[in-house]
Amino acid sequence: MGNDRVDGSSSKLFRVLQVHAGLSRRKAQELVTSGEVSMDGEVVGDPFLTIDPGRVQTLRLRGHPISLVPPEHRAYRYHKPSGMLCSHDDRFCGNTVGRVMRAEGFVGYTWAGRLDQDAEGLLLITNDGQLVQHLSHPRYEVRKTYHVWTEEALPSREVRRLLDAMRRGIVDREETLRIVDGTYNPSRRQLTLTLTEGRKREIKRLIGHFGLHVSRLRRVAIGPIALGDLAEGALARIIGDDASALARLLEH
């Protein structure tokens, strides 16, 4: 994690926020440009401002002081329920991941692996901006695995054709959508699909290409971390072998 340290050396403001508040690059830039960041009592609107953290007395994000001492990086599994919005704040919906995080004392944390509001399953909550970037950006090709239930029963003779087509790629709205692996459990009417890119509503668009409709969608793994038997709405710190597996991701 040495490249993320900004101790005593000049760095861009958004980068300081990434390291010390556990934000993604995009979110850090958005918060600065929207006037949510102040430095030594003055609102700063330029995320690319070069600063020396060693000379900054106070840095605040949405009024909350951000320590310029490098944080202890941690990650947690969270089982997001269906109906919850992946947003820090939303004027129309009070049921957000951000609200849960604040209630649980997660200051300076964000999540990797956004899910649609009607989807459920695994999110990784962390204060490690580099980890969020690595898990989220398509170029790292981190695998995400989903259980998908369809409203319609899939005839066994059609499943292989459907999965093979998904592996080759489906063109939708000038984007090529594809899976890297897929299986089907006919007794549960459940597909297991693994993807690496995570385009917007990708699974629903893949399924919809064949005239089918998703009735339920649950993410069960992100990279080496599995949802396992974590209860809906529960949080669990990632430690031991799982933490080591996440650290190894950042080496590549």
Protein backbone atom coordinates (compact mmCIF):
# COMPACT_ATOMS: atom_id res chain seq x y z
CA MET A 1 0.00 0.00 0.00
CA GLY A 2 3.08 2.24 -0.08
CA ASN A 3 1.96 4.12 -3.19
CA ASP A 4 -1.11 5.37 -1.34
CA ARG A 5 0.76 7.10 1.43
CA VAL A 6 0.68 10.88 1.33
CA ASP A 7 2.57 11.50 4.57
CA GLY A 8 4.32 14.88 4.45
CA SER A 9 4.50 15.01 0.63
CA SER A 10 2.48 17.01 -1.87
CA SER A 11 -0.58 15.33 -3.32
CA LYS A 12 -3.82 16.18 -5.09
CA LEU A 13 -6.71 16.92 -2.73
CA PHE A 14 -8.90 14.15 -4.16
CA ARG A 15 -6.05 11.68 -3.60
CA VAL A 16 -5.73 12.71 0.05
CA LEU A 17 -9.46 12.05 0.47
CA GLN A 18 -9.12 8.67 -1.24
CA VAL A 19 -6.43 7.56 1.16
CA HIS A 20 -7.72 9.05 4.41
CA ALA A 21 -11.50 8.76 3.92
CA GLY A 22 -11.61 5.50 1.96
CA LEU A 23 -13.37 7.03 -1.06
CA SER A 24 -13.25 6.06 -4.69
CA ARG A 25 -11.49 8.50 -7.02
CA ARG A 26 -14.77 9.55 -8.63
CA LYS A 27 -16.61 10.03 -5.33
CA ALA A 28 -13.74 12.06 -3.86
CA GLN A 29 -13.78 14.38 -6.87
CA GLU A 30 -17.58 14.72 -6.77
CA LEU A 31 -17.60 15.66 -3.08
CA VAL A 32 -14.95 18.35 -3.57
CA THR A 33 -16.63 19.93 -6.59
CA SER A 34 -20.00 19.94 -4.80
CA GLY A 35 -18.57 22.01 -1.94
CA GLU A 36 -18.57 19.24 0.69
CA VAL A 37 -14.88 19.57 1.59
CA SER A 38 -13.23 22.30 3.62
CA MET A 39 -9.58 22.81 4.46
CA ASP A 40 -8.50 24.98 7.38
CA GLY A 41 -12.00 26.43 7.55
CA GLU A 42 -12.33 27.29 3.84
CA VAL A 43 -14.44 25.37 1.32
CA VAL A 44 -12.27 23.98 -1.45
CA GLY A 45 -13.82 23.33 -4.86
CA ASP A 46 -10.86 22.05 -6.87
CA PRO A 47 -10.21 18.31 -6.42
CA PHE A 48 -6.89 18.64 -8.27
CA LEU A 49 -5.50 21.25 -5.90
CA THR A 50 -2.00 20.24 -4.83
CA ILE A 51 -1.61 20.31 -1.06
CA ASP A 52 0.92 19.28 1.53
CA PRO A 53 -1.00 17.21 4.11
CA GLY A 54 1.72 17.91 6.65
CA ARG A 55 0.82 21.60 6.57
CA VAL A 56 -2.97 21.20 6.68
CA GLN A 57 -4.41 21.89 10.12
CA THR A 58 -7.98 20.66 9.53
CA LEU A 59 -9.68 18.78 6.72
CA ARG A 60 -13.44 18.22 6.88
CA LEU A 61 -15.74 16.12 4.74
CA ARG A 62 -19.42 17.05 5.08
CA GLY A 63 -18.45 18.74 8.34
CA HIS A 64 -16.75 15.65 9.73
CA PRO A 65 -13.04 15.96 10.53
CA ILE A 66 -10.79 13.69 8.49
CA SER A 67 -7.65 12.53 10.21
CA LEU A 68 -4.50 12.89 8.11
CA VAL A 69 -2.91 10.01 9.98
CA PRO A 70 -3.01 7.00 7.63
CA PRO A 71 -6.01 4.83 8.61
CA GLU A 72 -5.89 1.17 9.51
CA HIS A 73 -7.41 -0.42 6.44
CA ARG A 74 -10.32 -2.76 7.11
CA ALA A 75 -12.96 -4.50 5.02
CA TYR A 76 -16.34 -5.99 5.93
CA ARG A 77 -18.90 -8.20 4.23
CA TYR A 78 -22.40 -6.77 4.16
CA HIS A 79 -25.54 -8.63 3.06
CA LYS A 80 -27.58 -5.90 1.39
CA PRO A 81 -31.32 -6.59 1.49
CA SER A 82 -33.56 -6.10 -1.53
CA GLY A 83 -35.20 -2.67 -1.44
CA MET A 84 -32.14 -0.86 -0.10
CA LEU A 85 -30.51 1.81 -2.26
CA CYS A 86 -26.72 1.82 -2.81
CA SER A 87 -26.32 5.50 -1.99
CA HIS A 88 -24.81 7.53 0.82
CA ASP A 89 -27.85 9.81 0.87
CA ASP A 90 -31.02 10.04 -1.19
CA ARG A 91 -33.74 12.67 -0.85
CA PHE A 92 -36.47 10.25 -1.90
CA CYS A 93 -35.35 7.09 -0.10
CA GLY A 94 -34.27 6.80 3.54
CA ASN A 95 -33.36 3.13 3.18
CA THR A 96 -29.77 3.48 1.98
CA VAL A 97 -26.47 1.71 2.54
CA GLY A 98 -25.00 5.02 3.68
CA ARG A 99 -27.57 5.30 6.46
CA VAL A 100 -26.68 1.82 7.71
CA MET A 101 -22.98 2.67 7.63
CA ARG A 102 -23.46 5.82 9.66
CA ALA A 103 -25.60 3.96 12.19
CA GLU A 104 -22.87 1.33 12.53
CA GLY A 105 -20.12 3.93 12.99
CA PHE A 106 -18.42 3.52 9.62
CA VAL A 107 -16.82 6.95 9.19
CA GLY A 108 -14.63 7.26 6.10
CA TYR A 109 -15.90 4.02 4.57
CA THR A 110 -17.52 3.26 1.23
CA TRP A 111 -18.48 0.10 -0.61
CA ALA A 112 -17.33 -1.88 -3.60
CA GLY A 113 -19.83 -3.71 -5.74
CA ARG A 114 -22.90 -1.55 -6.26
CA LEU A 115 -26.21 -3.42 -6.51
CA ASP A 116 -29.55 -2.25 -7.93
CA GLN A 117 -32.18 -1.38 -5.36
CA ASP A 118 -34.20 -4.54 -6.06
CA ALA A 119 -31.11 -6.78 -5.90
CA GLU A 120 -29.64 -8.34 -2.78
CA GLY A 121 -26.41 -9.90 -1.64
CA LEU A 122 -22.77 -9.14 -1.05
CA LEU A 123 -21.23 -5.68 -0.74
CA LEU A 124 -17.70 -5.11 0.53
CA ILE A 125 -17.46 -2.12 2.87
CA THR A 126 -13.98 -0.69 3.33
CA ASN A 127 -11.91 2.41 4.09
CA ASP A 128 -9.25 1.32 1.57
CA GLY A 129 -9.66 3.43 -1.57
CA GLN A 130 -7.20 1.33 -3.54
CA LEU A 131 -9.21 -1.80 -2.77
CA VAL A 132 -12.46 -0.13 -3.87
CA GLN A 133 -10.81 0.91 -7.14
CA HIS A 134 -9.41 -2.57 -7.74
CA LEU A 135 -12.70 -4.32 -7.08
CA SER A 136 -14.75 -1.85 -9.11
CA HIS A 137 -12.75 -1.02 -12.24
CA PRO A 138 -13.32 -3.37 -15.21
CA ARG A 139 -9.63 -3.45 -16.13
CA TYR A 140 -8.84 -5.61 -13.08
CA GLU A 141 -11.41 -8.23 -14.18
CA VAL A 142 -12.41 -9.18 -10.64
CA ARG A 143 -15.07 -11.89 -10.84
CA LYS A 144 -18.50 -11.32 -9.34
CA THR A 145 -20.87 -14.27 -9.03
CA TYR A 146 -24.66 -14.04 -8.89
CA HIS A 147 -27.61 -16.34 -8.30
CA VAL A 148 -30.38 -15.41 -10.70
CA TRP A 149 -33.98 -16.62 -10.58
CA THR A 150 -36.24 -16.16 -13.58
CA GLU A 151 -40.00 -15.85 -13.70
CA GLU A 152 -40.05 -18.45 -16.45
CA ALA A 153 -38.86 -22.04 -16.21
CA LEU A 154 -35.94 -22.69 -18.56
CA PRO A 155 -36.22 -25.89 -20.62
CA SER A 156 -33.06 -27.93 -20.04
CA ARG A 157 -32.48 -28.22 -23.78
CA GLU A 158 -32.33 -24.42 -24.05
CA VAL A 159 -29.98 -23.72 -21.15
CA ARG A 160 -26.75 -24.68 -22.93
CA ARG A 161 -27.61 -22.51 -25.94
CA LEU A 162 -28.48 -19.58 -23.69
CA LEU A 163 -25.29 -19.84 -21.60
CA ASP A 164 -23.08 -20.35 -24.66
CA ALA A 165 -24.54 -17.21 -26.22
CA MET A 166 -23.89 -15.26 -23.02
CA ARG A 167 -20.27 -16.44 -23.01
CA ARG A 168 -19.79 -15.32 -26.61
CA GLY A 169 -21.37 -11.97 -25.83
CA ILE A 170 -24.70 -10.25 -26.42
CA VAL A 171 -24.82 -6.83 -28.08
CA ASP A 172 -27.28 -4.52 -26.33
CA ARG A 173 -27.44 -0.72 -26.70
CA GLU A 174 -24.11 -0.75 -28.53
CA GLU A 175 -22.45 -2.58 -25.62
CA THR A 176 -21.24 -6.17 -25.60
CA LEU A 177 -22.42 -7.98 -22.49
CA ARG A 178 -20.96 -11.35 -21.55
CA ILE A 179 -20.42 -13.83 -18.77
CA VAL A 180 -17.23 -15.76 -18.05
CA ASP A 181 -19.06 -18.75 -16.58
CA GLY A 182 -22.59 -19.98 -16.01
CA THR A 183 -24.57 -22.97 -14.75
CA TYR A 184 -28.24 -23.78 -14.20
CA ASN A 185 -30.04 -25.61 -11.39
CA PRO A 186 -33.41 -26.69 -12.83
CA SER A 187 -34.90 -27.75 -9.50
CA ARG A 188 -34.44 -24.20 -8.15
CA ARG A 189 -34.92 -22.47 -11.52
CA GLN A 190 -31.66 -20.76 -10.61
CA LEU A 191 -28.85 -19.59 -12.85
CA THR A 192 -25.37 -18.99 -11.43
CA LEU A 193 -23.59 -16.37 -13.54
CA THR A 194 -20.07 -14.99 -13.17
CA LEU A 195 -19.10 -11.65 -14.74
CA THR A 196 -16.11 -9.33 -14.61
CA GLU A 197 -17.33 -6.01 -16.03
CA GLY A 198 -20.55 -5.19 -14.19
CA ARG A 199 -22.14 -2.84 -16.71
CA LYS A 200 -25.35 -1.09 -15.67
CA ARG A 201 -28.16 -3.64 -15.19
CA GLU A 202 -26.02 -6.12 -17.10
CA ILE A 203 -27.61 -9.34 -15.84
CA LYS A 204 -31.17 -8.14 -16.43
CA ARG A 205 -30.21 -7.05 -19.93
CA LEU A 206 -28.58 -10.41 -20.65
CA ILE A 207 -31.62 -12.30 -19.40
CA GLY A 208 -34.02 -9.96 -21.17
CA HIS A 209 -32.27 -10.57 -24.50
CA PHE A 210 -33.84 -14.04 -24.45
CA GLY A 211 -37.32 -12.78 -23.58
CA LEU A 212 -36.95 -13.80 -19.93
CA HIS A 213 -37.49 -11.80 -16.74
CA VAL A 214 -35.45 -11.77 -13.53
CA SER A 215 -37.58 -12.39 -10.45
CA ARG A 216 -34.73 -12.34 -7.94
CA LEU A 217 -31.03 -11.43 -8.07
CA ARG A 218 -28.45 -12.11 -5.37
CA ARG A 219 -24.69 -11.56 -5.52
CA VAL A 220 -22.90 -14.38 -3.73
CA ALA A 221 -19.21 -13.56 -4.30
CA ILE A 222 -16.83 -10.71 -5.15
CA GLY A 223 -13.38 -12.00 -6.06
CA PRO A 224 -12.23 -14.34 -3.28
CA ILE A 225 -14.90 -13.19 -0.80
CA ALA A 226 -18.15 -15.17 -0.57
CA LEU A 227 -21.46 -14.13 0.96
CA GLY A 228 -21.69 -17.54 2.62
CA ASP A 229 -24.34 -17.85 5.32
CA LEU A 230 -24.19 -14.18 6.34
CA ALA A 231 -27.71 -13.16 7.35
CA GLU A 232 -29.59 -10.48 5.46
CA GLY A 233 -28.66 -7.06 6.84
CA ALA A 234 -25.65 -8.43 8.76
CA LEU A 235 -22.05 -7.18 8.73
CA ALA A 236 -18.90 -9.25 9.32
CA ARG A 237 -15.29 -8.12 9.35
CA ILE A 238 -13.03 -9.79 6.80
CA ILE A 239 -10.05 -11.31 8.60
CA GLY A 240 -7.60 -14.18 8.32
CA ASP A 241 -7.31 -16.02 5.02
CA ASP A 242 -10.00 -13.89 3.38
CA ALA A 243 -8.16 -10.67 4.29
CA SER A 244 -4.95 -12.16 2.91
CA ALA A 245 -6.75 -13.07 -0.32
CA LEU A 246 -7.94 -9.46 -0.73
CA ALA A 247 -4.41 -8.19 -0.12
CA ARG A 248 -3.09 -10.50 -2.83
CA LEU A 249 -5.57 -8.97 -5.30
CA LEU A 250 -3.80 -5.63 -4.92
CA GLU A 251 -0.48 -7.18 -5.91
CA HIS A 252 -1.68 -7.74 -9.48
